[in-house]
Amino acid sequence: MRTGVIVYFVGEIPVGENMDVGAEVKRLQPDADRVEIVSRNAGHFDVADAWWSLTATGMQRIHCMIGEMNAAGGFLLKGMALRLCG
């Protein structure tokens, strides 16, 4: 079963930084086949848009997590993953 992860960022992702959010999420969630980002200034504009993108590409299990930028320029995944479908 293919798994997708939606990361909803609280705050802003710094523009111009070469941060590979998808690779970092896959490191923290190794079962993720695809990662979509929801934030104010990068990625999708809402969770429903990211969910549609994942379901359209064949993801059967979709989790949503909250991400937050830390002071060191990286990010943290907060709380538990919410399973949206599958």
PDB file of N, CA and C in Angstrom:
ATOM      1  N   MET A   1       0.841  -1.170   0.000  1.00  0.00           N
ATOM      2  CA  MET A   1       0.000   0.000   0.000  1.00  0.00           C
ATOM      3  C   MET A   1       0.893   1.242   0.000  1.00  0.00           C
ATOM      4  N   ARG A   2       0.651   2.131  -0.936  1.00  0.00           N
ATOM      5  CA  ARG A   2       1.466   3.338  -1.051  1.00  0.00           C
ATOM      6  C   ARG A   2       1.006   4.395  -0.058  1.00  0.00           C
ATOM      7  N   THR A   3       1.979   5.076   0.548  1.00  0.00           N
ATOM      8  CA  THR A   3       1.705   6.038   1.612  1.00  0.00           C
ATOM      9  C   THR A   3       2.174   7.429   1.226  1.00  0.00           C
ATOM     10  N   GLY A   4       1.303   8.411   1.445  1.00  0.00           N
ATOM     11  CA  GLY A   4       1.648   9.807   1.229  1.00  0.00           C
ATOM     12  C   GLY A   4       1.592  10.563   2.541  1.00  0.00           C
ATOM     13  N   VAL A   5       2.397  11.605   2.651  1.00  0.00           N
ATOM     14  CA  VAL A   5       2.421  12.431   3.855  1.00  0.00           C
ATOM     15  C   VAL A   5       2.225  13.883   3.443  1.00  0.00           C
ATOM     16  N   ILE A   6       1.303  14.559   4.145  1.00  0.00           N
ATOM     17  CA  ILE A   6       1.104  15.995   3.972  1.00  0.00           C
ATOM     18  C   ILE A   6       1.696  16.671   5.199  1.00  0.00           C
ATOM     19  N   VAL A   7       2.586  17.624   4.980  1.00  0.00           N
ATOM     20  CA  VAL A   7       3.154  18.397   6.089  1.00  0.00           C
ATOM     21  C   VAL A   7       2.591  19.803   6.005  1.00  0.00           C
ATOM     22  N   TYR A   8       1.813  20.178   7.029  1.00  0.00           N
ATOM     23  CA  TYR A   8       1.227  21.512   7.129  1.00  0.00           C
ATOM     24  C   TYR A   8       2.161  22.361   7.982  1.00  0.00           C
ATOM     25  N   PHE A   9       2.828  23.343   7.342  1.00  0.00           N
ATOM     26  CA  PHE A   9       3.791  24.168   8.057  1.00  0.00           C
ATOM     27  C   PHE A   9       3.110  25.331   8.757  1.00  0.00           C
ATOM     28  N   VAL A  10       3.403  25.473  10.028  1.00  0.00           N
ATOM     29  CA  VAL A  10       2.957  26.611  10.824  1.00  0.00           C
ATOM     30  C   VAL A  10       4.034  27.677  10.654  1.00  0.00           C
ATOM     31  N   GLY A  11       3.647  28.880  10.315  1.00  0.00           N
ATOM     32  CA  GLY A  11       4.626  29.924  10.047  1.00  0.00           C
ATOM     33  C   GLY A  11       5.048  29.874   8.591  1.00  0.00           C
ATOM     34  N   GLU A  12       6.207  30.415   8.300  1.00  0.00           N
ATOM     35  CA  GLU A  12       6.677  30.491   6.926  1.00  0.00           C
ATOM     36  C   GLU A  12       7.935  29.671   6.730  1.00  0.00           C
ATOM     37  N   ILE A  13       8.078  29.151   5.523  1.00  0.00           N
ATOM     38  CA  ILE A  13       9.319  28.499   5.117  1.00  0.00           C
ATOM     39  C   ILE A  13      10.196  29.586   4.509  1.00  0.00           C
ATOM     40  N   PRO A  14      11.429  29.761   4.985  1.00  0.00           N
ATOM     41  CA  PRO A  14      12.284  30.822   4.434  1.00  0.00           C
ATOM     42  C   PRO A  14      12.525  30.624   2.940  1.00  0.00           C
ATOM     43  N   VAL A  15      12.252  31.645   2.155  1.00  0.00           N
ATOM     44  CA  VAL A  15      12.449  31.591   0.713  1.00  0.00           C
ATOM     45  C   VAL A  15      13.933  31.753   0.425  1.00  0.00           C
ATOM     46  N   GLY A  16      14.436  30.987  -0.529  1.00  0.00           N
ATOM     47  CA  GLY A  16      15.839  31.087  -0.897  1.00  0.00           C
ATOM     48  C   GLY A  16      16.709  30.055  -0.207  1.00  0.00           C
ATOM     49  N   GLU A  17      16.187  29.384   0.800  1.00  0.00           N
ATOM     50  CA  GLU A  17      16.957  28.337   1.460  1.00  0.00           C
ATOM     51  C   GLU A  17      16.817  27.051   0.652  1.00  0.00           C
ATOM     52  N   ASN A  18      17.878  26.312   0.531  1.00  0.00           N
ATOM     53  CA  ASN A  18      17.854  25.057  -0.205  1.00  0.00           C
ATOM     54  C   ASN A  18      17.547  23.903   0.733  1.00  0.00           C
ATOM     55  N   MET A  19      16.416  23.981   1.379  1.00  0.00           N
ATOM     56  CA  MET A  19      16.024  22.944   2.317  1.00  0.00           C
ATOM     57  C   MET A  19      15.166  21.926   1.579  1.00  0.00           C
ATOM     58  N   ASP A  20      15.572  20.679   1.589  1.00  0.00           N
ATOM     59  CA  ASP A  20      14.807  19.627   0.941  1.00  0.00           C
ATOM     60  C   ASP A  20      13.854  19.031   1.969  1.00  0.00           C
ATOM     61  N   VAL A  21      12.671  19.605   2.072  1.00  0.00           N
ATOM     62  CA  VAL A  21      11.693  19.185   3.065  1.00  0.00           C
ATOM     63  C   VAL A  21      11.269  17.748   2.815  1.00  0.00           C
ATOM     64  N   GLY A  22      11.058  17.389   1.555  1.00  0.00           N
ATOM     65  CA  GLY A  22      10.646  16.025   1.227  1.00  0.00           C
ATOM     66  C   GLY A  22      11.630  14.981   1.705  1.00  0.00           C
ATOM     67  N   ALA A  23      12.918  15.222   1.512  1.00  0.00           N
ATOM     68  CA  ALA A  23      13.939  14.272   1.962  1.00  0.00           C
ATOM     69  C   ALA A  23      13.978  14.178   3.485  1.00  0.00           C
ATOM     70  N   GLU A  24      13.795  15.305   4.157  1.00  0.00           N
ATOM     71  CA  GLU A  24      13.810  15.303   5.619  1.00  0.00           C
ATOM     72  C   GLU A  24      12.594  14.559   6.174  1.00  0.00           C
ATOM     73  N   VAL A  25      11.422  14.763   5.578  1.00  0.00           N
ATOM     74  CA  VAL A  25      10.229  14.044   6.032  1.00  0.00           C
ATOM     75  C   VAL A  25      10.386  12.556   5.793  1.00  0.00           C
ATOM     76  N   LYS A  26      10.947  12.182   4.653  1.00  0.00           N
ATOM     77  CA  LYS A  26      11.165  10.753   4.379  1.00  0.00           C
ATOM     78  C   LYS A  26      12.162  10.145   5.355  1.00  0.00           C
ATOM     79  N   ARG A  27      13.104  10.940   5.843  1.00  0.00           N
ATOM     80  CA  ARG A  27      14.043  10.442   6.854  1.00  0.00           C
ATOM     81  C   ARG A  27      13.299  10.209   8.169  1.00  0.00           C
ATOM     82  N   LEU A  28      12.390  11.128   8.519  1.00  0.00           N
ATOM     83  CA  LEU A  28      11.635  11.001   9.760  1.00  0.00           C
ATOM     84  C   LEU A  28      10.481  10.014   9.637  1.00  0.00           C
ATOM     85  N   GLN A  29       9.912   9.872   8.457  1.00  0.00           N
ATOM     86  CA  GLN A  29       8.807   8.946   8.178  1.00  0.00           C
ATOM     87  C   GLN A  29       9.224   8.048   7.014  1.00  0.00           C
ATOM     88  N   PRO A  30      10.003   6.993   7.275  1.00  0.00           N
ATOM     89  CA  PRO A  30      10.582   6.192   6.189  1.00  0.00           C
ATOM     90  C   PRO A  30       9.565   5.468   5.319  1.00  0.00           C
ATOM     91  N   ASP A  31       8.312   5.317   5.774  1.00  0.00           N
ATOM     92  CA  ASP A  31       7.324   4.620   4.956  1.00  0.00           C
ATOM     93  C   ASP A  31       6.640   5.530   3.938  1.00  0.00           C
ATOM     94  N   ALA A  32       7.007   6.812   3.885  1.00  0.00           N
ATOM     95  CA  ALA A  32       6.373   7.763   2.963  1.00  0.00           C
ATOM     96  C   ALA A  32       6.889   7.547   1.545  1.00  0.00           C
ATOM     97  N   ASP A  33       5.954   7.332   0.605  1.00  0.00           N
ATOM     98  CA  ASP A  33       6.316   7.217  -0.804  1.00  0.00           C
ATOM     99  C   ASP A  33       6.339   8.583  -1.489  1.00  0.00           C
ATOM    100  N   ARG A  34       5.511   9.499  -0.983  1.00  0.00           N
ATOM    101  CA  ARG A  34       5.446  10.845  -1.560  1.00  0.00           C
ATOM    102  C   ARG A  34       5.096  11.841  -0.463  1.00  0.00           C
ATOM    103  N   VAL A  35       5.656  13.038  -0.558  1.00  0.00           N
ATOM    104  CA  VAL A  35       5.432  14.085   0.444  1.00  0.00           C
ATOM    105  C   VAL A  35       4.920  15.335  -0.259  1.00  0.00           C
ATOM    106  N   GLU A  36       3.872  15.935   0.305  1.00  0.00           N
ATOM    107  CA  GLU A  36       3.352  17.208  -0.183  1.00  0.00           C
ATOM    108  C   GLU A  36       3.433  18.219   0.959  1.00  0.00           C
ATOM    109  N   ILE A  37       3.731  19.460   0.635  1.00  0.00           N
ATOM    110  CA  ILE A  37       3.908  20.519   1.616  1.00  0.00           C
ATOM    111  C   ILE A  37       2.762  21.519   1.496  1.00  0.00           C
ATOM    112  N   VAL A  38       2.206  21.937   2.643  1.00  0.00           N
ATOM    113  CA  VAL A  38       1.199  22.995   2.685  1.00  0.00           C
ATOM    114  C   VAL A  38       1.778  24.116   3.540  1.00  0.00           C
ATOM    115  N   SER A  39       1.918  25.303   2.948  1.00  0.00           N
ATOM    116  CA  SER A  39       2.400  26.458   3.705  1.00  0.00           C
ATOM    117  C   SER A  39       1.926  27.731   3.022  1.00  0.00           C
ATOM    118  N   ARG A  40       2.149  28.826   3.680  1.00  0.00           N
ATOM    119  CA  ARG A  40       1.702  30.107   3.143  1.00  0.00           C
ATOM    120  C   ARG A  40       2.490  30.518   1.909  1.00  0.00           C
ATOM    121  N   ASN A  41       3.775  30.214   1.867  1.00  0.00           N
ATOM    122  CA  ASN A  41       4.591  30.735   0.776  1.00  0.00           C
ATOM    123  C   ASN A  41       5.266  29.663  -0.077  1.00  0.00           C
ATOM    124  N   ALA A  42       4.949  28.386   0.112  1.00  0.00           N
ATOM    125  CA  ALA A  42       5.541  27.333  -0.716  1.00  0.00           C
ATOM    126  C   ALA A  42       4.624  26.123  -0.701  1.00  0.00           C
ATOM    127  N   GLY A  43       4.593  25.393  -1.791  1.00  0.00           N
ATOM    128  CA  GLY A  43       3.791  24.174  -1.834  1.00  0.00           C
ATOM    129  C   GLY A  43       2.321  24.459  -2.093  1.00  0.00           C
ATOM    130  N   HIS A  44       1.452  23.599  -1.588  1.00  0.00           N
ATOM    131  CA  HIS A  44       0.010  23.721  -1.777  1.00  0.00           C
ATOM    132  C   HIS A  44      -0.565  24.790  -0.861  1.00  0.00           C
ATOM    133  N   PHE A  45      -1.749  25.272  -1.212  1.00  0.00           N
ATOM    134  CA  PHE A  45      -2.368  26.330  -0.411  1.00  0.00           C
ATOM    135  C   PHE A  45      -3.276  25.792   0.687  1.00  0.00           C
ATOM    136  N   ASP A  46      -3.707  24.531   0.599  1.00  0.00           N
ATOM    137  CA  ASP A  46      -4.491  23.952   1.689  1.00  0.00           C
ATOM    138  C   ASP A  46      -4.362  22.425   1.684  1.00  0.00           C
ATOM    139  N   VAL A  47      -4.822  21.814   2.766  1.00  0.00           N
ATOM    140  CA  VAL A  47      -4.679  20.366   2.943  1.00  0.00           C
ATOM    141  C   VAL A  47      -5.492  19.610   1.893  1.00  0.00           C
ATOM    142  N   ALA A  48      -6.673  20.109   1.554  1.00  0.00           N
ATOM    143  CA  ALA A  48      -7.507  19.425   0.560  1.00  0.00           C
ATOM    144  C   ALA A  48      -6.820  19.357  -0.803  1.00  0.00           C
ATOM    145  N   ASP A  49      -6.123  20.418  -1.192  1.00  0.00           N
ATOM    146  CA  ASP A  49      -5.391  20.435  -2.456  1.00  0.00           C
ATOM    147  C   ASP A  49      -4.262  19.396  -2.434  1.00  0.00           C
ATOM    148  N   ALA A  50      -3.529  19.329  -1.338  1.00  0.00           N
ATOM    149  CA  ALA A  50      -2.447  18.339  -1.213  1.00  0.00           C
ATOM    150  C   ALA A  50      -3.015  16.928  -1.185  1.00  0.00           C
ATOM    151  N   TRP A  51      -4.140  16.729  -0.486  1.00  0.00           N
ATOM    152  CA  TRP A  51      -4.789  15.418  -0.421  1.00  0.00           C
ATOM    153  C   TRP A  51      -5.200  14.966  -1.817  1.00  0.00           C
ATOM    154  N   TRP A  52      -5.793  15.870  -2.604  1.00  0.00           N
ATOM    155  CA  TRP A  52      -6.205  15.533  -3.960  1.00  0.00           C
ATOM    156  C   TRP A  52      -4.994  15.134  -4.812  1.00  0.00           C
ATOM    157  N   SER A  53      -3.906  15.857  -4.673  1.00  0.00           N
ATOM    158  CA  SER A  53      -2.688  15.537  -5.422  1.00  0.00           C
ATOM    159  C   SER A  53      -2.176  14.140  -5.079  1.00  0.00           C
ATOM    160  N   LEU A  54      -2.223  13.785  -3.809  1.00  0.00           N
ATOM    161  CA  LEU A  54      -1.759  12.456  -3.394  1.00  0.00           C
ATOM    162  C   LEU A  54      -2.701  11.352  -3.854  1.00  0.00           C
ATOM    163  N   THR A  55      -4.001  11.552  -3.734  1.00  0.00           N
ATOM    164  CA  THR A  55      -4.935  10.517  -4.177  1.00  0.00           C
ATOM    165  C   THR A  55      -4.890  10.348  -5.690  1.00  0.00           C
ATOM    166  N   ALA A  56      -4.680  11.440  -6.428  1.00  0.00           N
ATOM    167  CA  ALA A  56      -4.597  11.369  -7.883  1.00  0.00           C
ATOM    168  C   ALA A  56      -3.359  10.610  -8.357  1.00  0.00           C
ATOM    169  N   THR A  57      -2.339  10.538  -7.521  1.00  0.00           N
ATOM    170  CA  THR A  57      -1.121   9.802  -7.893  1.00  0.00           C
ATOM    171  C   THR A  57      -1.077   8.407  -7.284  1.00  0.00           C
ATOM    172  N   GLY A  58      -2.201   7.938  -6.733  1.00  0.00           N
ATOM    173  CA  GLY A  58      -2.303   6.548  -6.308  1.00  0.00           C
ATOM    174  C   GLY A  58      -1.941   6.238  -4.869  1.00  0.00           C
ATOM    175  N   MET A  59      -1.881   7.236  -4.013  1.00  0.00           N
ATOM    176  CA  MET A  59      -1.590   6.969  -2.599  1.00  0.00           C
ATOM    177  C   MET A  59      -2.863   6.455  -1.923  1.00  0.00           C
ATOM    178  N   GLN A  60      -2.769   5.296  -1.259  1.00  0.00           N
ATOM    179  CA  GLN A  60      -3.938   4.732  -0.589  1.00  0.00           C
ATOM    180  C   GLN A  60      -4.007   5.144   0.876  1.00  0.00           C
ATOM    181  N   ARG A  61      -2.876   5.375   1.503  1.00  0.00           N
ATOM    182  CA  ARG A  61      -2.826   5.775   2.913  1.00  0.00           C
ATOM    183  C   ARG A  61      -2.186   7.157   2.965  1.00  0.00           C
ATOM    184  N   ILE A  62      -2.899   8.124   3.559  1.00  0.00           N
ATOM    185  CA  ILE A  62      -2.402   9.497   3.610  1.00  0.00           C
ATOM    186  C   ILE A  62      -2.424   9.989   5.050  1.00  0.00           C
ATOM    187  N   HIS A  63      -1.279  10.485   5.496  1.00  0.00           N
ATOM    188  CA  HIS A  63      -1.147  11.039   6.841  1.00  0.00           C
ATOM    189  C   HIS A  63      -0.890  12.532   6.736  1.00  0.00           C
ATOM    190  N   CYS A  64      -1.381  13.286   7.713  1.00  0.00           N
ATOM    191  CA  CYS A  64      -1.144  14.726   7.777  1.00  0.00           C
ATOM    192  C   CYS A  64      -0.419  15.032   9.081  1.00  0.00           C
ATOM    193  N   MET A  65       0.646  15.827   8.993  1.00  0.00           N
ATOM    194  CA  MET A  65       1.441  16.189  10.163  1.00  0.00           C
ATOM    195  C   MET A  65       1.660  17.698  10.175  1.00  0.00           C
ATOM    196  N   ILE A  66       1.955  18.234  11.336  1.00  0.00           N
ATOM    197  CA  ILE A  66       2.259  19.656  11.470  1.00  0.00           C
ATOM    198  C   ILE A  66       3.766  19.826  11.570  1.00  0.00           C
ATOM    199  N   GLY A  67       4.306  20.726  10.777  1.00  0.00           N
ATOM    200  CA  GLY A  67       5.725  21.030  10.808  1.00  0.00           C
ATOM    201  C   GLY A  67       5.946  22.458  11.251  1.00  0.00           C
ATOM    202  N   GLU A  68       7.089  22.699  11.867  1.00  0.00           N
ATOM    203  CA  GLU A  68       7.416  24.042  12.334  1.00  0.00           C
ATOM    204  C   GLU A  68       8.910  24.268  12.165  1.00  0.00           C
ATOM    205  N   MET A  69       9.277  25.453  11.690  1.00  0.00           N
ATOM    206  CA  MET A  69      10.687  25.799  11.535  1.00  0.00           C
ATOM    207  C   MET A  69      11.304  26.034  12.906  1.00  0.00           C
ATOM    208  N   ASN A  70      12.546  25.566  13.081  1.00  0.00           N
ATOM    209  CA  ASN A  70      13.236  25.850  14.339  1.00  0.00           C
ATOM    210  C   ASN A  70      14.286  26.940  14.124  1.00  0.00           C
ATOM    211  N   ALA A  71      14.908  27.373  15.192  1.00  0.00           N
ATOM    212  CA  ALA A  71      15.856  28.482  15.134  1.00  0.00           C
ATOM    213  C   ALA A  71      17.114  28.140  14.342  1.00  0.00           C
ATOM    214  N   ALA A  72      17.457  26.862  14.243  1.00  0.00           N
ATOM    215  CA  ALA A  72      18.668  26.448  13.547  1.00  0.00           C
ATOM    216  C   ALA A  72      18.480  26.354  12.029  1.00  0.00           C
ATOM    217  N   GLY A  73      17.273  26.607  11.539  1.00  0.00           N
ATOM    218  CA  GLY A  73      17.025  26.554  10.101  1.00  0.00           C
ATOM    219  C   GLY A  73      16.457  25.234   9.630  1.00  0.00           C
ATOM    220  N   GLY A  74      16.342  24.261  10.514  1.00  0.00           N
ATOM    221  CA  GLY A  74      15.715  22.996  10.171  1.00  0.00           C
ATOM    222  C   GLY A  74      14.250  23.043  10.534  1.00  0.00           C
ATOM    223  N   PHE A  75      13.622  21.890  10.615  1.00  0.00           N
ATOM    224  CA  PHE A  75      12.232  21.897  11.034  1.00  0.00           C
ATOM    225  C   PHE A  75      11.930  20.686  11.896  1.00  0.00           C
ATOM    226  N   LEU A  76      10.849  20.802  12.637  1.00  0.00           N
ATOM    227  CA  LEU A  76      10.391  19.744  13.531  1.00  0.00           C
ATOM    228  C   LEU A  76       9.010  19.310  13.102  1.00  0.00           C
ATOM    229  N   LEU A  77       8.728  18.014  13.224  1.00  0.00           N
ATOM    230  CA  LEU A  77       7.380  17.516  13.028  1.00  0.00           C
ATOM    231  C   LEU A  77       6.736  17.431  14.400  1.00  0.00           C
ATOM    232  N   LYS A  78       5.599  18.105  14.553  1.00  0.00           N
ATOM    233  CA  LYS A  78       4.934  18.205  15.866  1.00  0.00           C
ATOM    234  C   LYS A  78       3.779  17.217  15.960  1.00  0.00           C
ATOM    235  N   GLY A  79       3.601  16.642  17.136  1.00  0.00           N
ATOM    236  CA  GLY A  79       2.433  15.822  17.415  1.00  0.00           C
ATOM    237  C   GLY A  79       2.385  14.522  16.632  1.00  0.00           C
ATOM    238  N   MET A  80       1.224  13.905  16.661  1.00  0.00           N
ATOM    239  CA  MET A  80       1.014  12.637  15.982  1.00  0.00           C
ATOM    240  C   MET A  80       0.482  12.871  14.574  1.00  0.00           C
ATOM    241  N   ALA A  81       0.673  11.888  13.724  1.00  0.00           N
ATOM    242  CA  ALA A  81       0.152  11.964  12.363  1.00  0.00           C
ATOM    243  C   ALA A  81      -1.333  11.662  12.366  1.00  0.00           C
ATOM    244  N   LEU A  82      -2.097  12.441  11.621  1.00  0.00           N
ATOM    245  CA  LEU A  82      -3.522  12.246  11.458  1.00  0.00           C
ATOM    246  C   LEU A  82      -3.735  11.496  10.148  1.00  0.00           C
ATOM    247  N   ARG A  83      -4.384  10.341  10.196  1.00  0.00           N
ATOM    248  CA  ARG A  83      -4.622   9.556   8.989  1.00  0.00           C
ATOM    249  C   ARG A  83      -5.869  10.083   8.293  1.00  0.00           C
ATOM    250  N   LEU A  84      -5.711  10.520   7.039  1.00  0.00           N
ATOM    251  CA  LEU A  84      -6.815  11.142   6.310  1.00  0.00           C
ATOM    252  C   LEU A  84      -7.644  10.155   5.513  1.00  0.00           C
ATOM    253  N   CYS A  85      -7.050   9.085   5.001  1.00  0.00           N
ATOM    254  CA  CYS A  85      -7.824   8.095   4.256  1.00  0.00           C
ATOM    255  C   CYS A  85      -7.053   6.790   4.178  1.00  0.00           C
ATOM    256  N   GLY A  86      -7.744   5.741   3.789  1.00  0.00           N
ATOM    257  CA  GLY A  86      -7.120   4.431   3.576  1.00  0.00           C
ATOM    258  C   GLY A  86      -7.114   3.548   4.776  1.00  0.00           C
TER     259      GLY A  86
END
